[in-house]
Amino acid sequence: MWVLAVFALAVSLSLAAHLNNGYAILVFPPYRVELSLNFAILLVIAGFTLGYLLLRLVGHTLRLPLHVRAFRARRRGEKGRAAMLAALQAWFEGRYARAEKSAGEAYELGEAPALCALIAARAAGEMRELERRDRWLERAESHDADARQARLAVQASLLLDDRRYGDALEVLRELSASGPKRIATQRMLMKAHQRLGHWDEVRRLAAALGKRGALAEVAATQLRITAQIEALRQQARDATGLAACWQGTEDKLDARVARTAAQLFIALGDCRRAHEIVGAALETEWSGELILLYGECLGADILAQIERAERWLKSRPRERALLLTLGRLCLARELWGKAQSYLEASLSEEPSRGAHVALAQLFDRIGKPEDANRHFRASADAKLRQ
């Protein structure tokens, strides 16, 4: 259709020119030129076209330096982006020397200088080139307006790698204050607090990461339990502090937490509280280690301890650790017959060093040295469990 339209226009113009008998007179005193109107129109069109082309040529010539500068800037930007991409690829491939070199080239070309300096700093840090790493960090800081949070995150990560946990914590606090709470930042904060022994913060951060799905439930629980145990251990020599810390503990019925707390209270001579902790935990979750701990500290009323343990025995008549604990409690109360019965029952379920030692002590105290020596010798077997 376009071709038909062009041909139709050409035919129309040709017919119009053929039928046009007009003429144009140009007067330039003392000259006078007479032209046909068709030729005059053609001259005007040709003159306008030539003038337009000359003006375009002059304008392009005058703007040529600008075009050259723009072309060089585009080439420089393309090289810079290619170098930055090469640095990122080398970083992910573990080619840290290549990553630092490519990032340096991109930095010199002015392509995202803050980001390129950070890539180079991380690469130098992986190679333990600490001086070069610090120089790159200084360069990144000089372009802080471009990527301040990225610079702080990289700096904190490098400080953690250097085990400068206090300095890393300061940087991470600055990072947290300057933006939203990011998962990576919270993970680094948790690591710093963990190394510094700030277990309350570790517990809080583990719970927060668990809620956000950034930490597996098992891992979050393990971290929370570990934090509570370590917080209790920090108060090992302070009875008041230990009691306050125990009051603030969430997982009091967890066997590991209860065992740690009971051991600490026993070490401070507070057997009553230790028995309460162990008893409450055993009601929820049975643990052989906890029941053995129950018999280690003798309270003011050993008979009450025995009665409580015998109630547990009704539901667990063949529990080795429970029988051993009852034997030890009866031995402490000088109930020789019951002690011997419980200890021998424990041995019949599973031989243990503890049961042999307790029987040896029993026979020694009731005047049976041969039986005592036999059990002492049996307790020396390295294959026996405690």
Foldseek 3Di string as FASTA:
>chain_A
DVVVVVVVVVVVVVVVLVPQQAWDWDPDVVDIDIGHPVVVVVVVVVVVVVVVVVVVVVVCVVCVVVVVVVVVLVVLQVLLVVLQVQLVVCVVVVVLVSNLVSLVSSLVSVNLVLVSLLSNLVSCLVVVVNVSNVVSLVSNVVVCVSPVLSSLLSVLVSCVVVVVLVVSLVSLVVSVVVDPDDPSSLVSNLVSCVSVLVLVSVLVSLVVCVVVVNDDPVRSVVSNLVSLLSCLVVCLPPPVSNVVSLVPRDPLLDPVNLLSSLVSCVVVVNLVVNLVSLVSNCVPPNDLSSLLSNLPRQDPDLVVSLVVLVVVCVVVVQDLSSLLSNLSSCVVVVVLVSNVVSLVSSVVSPNALSSLQSVLVSCVVVPNNVSNVVSNVVSPPPPHHD
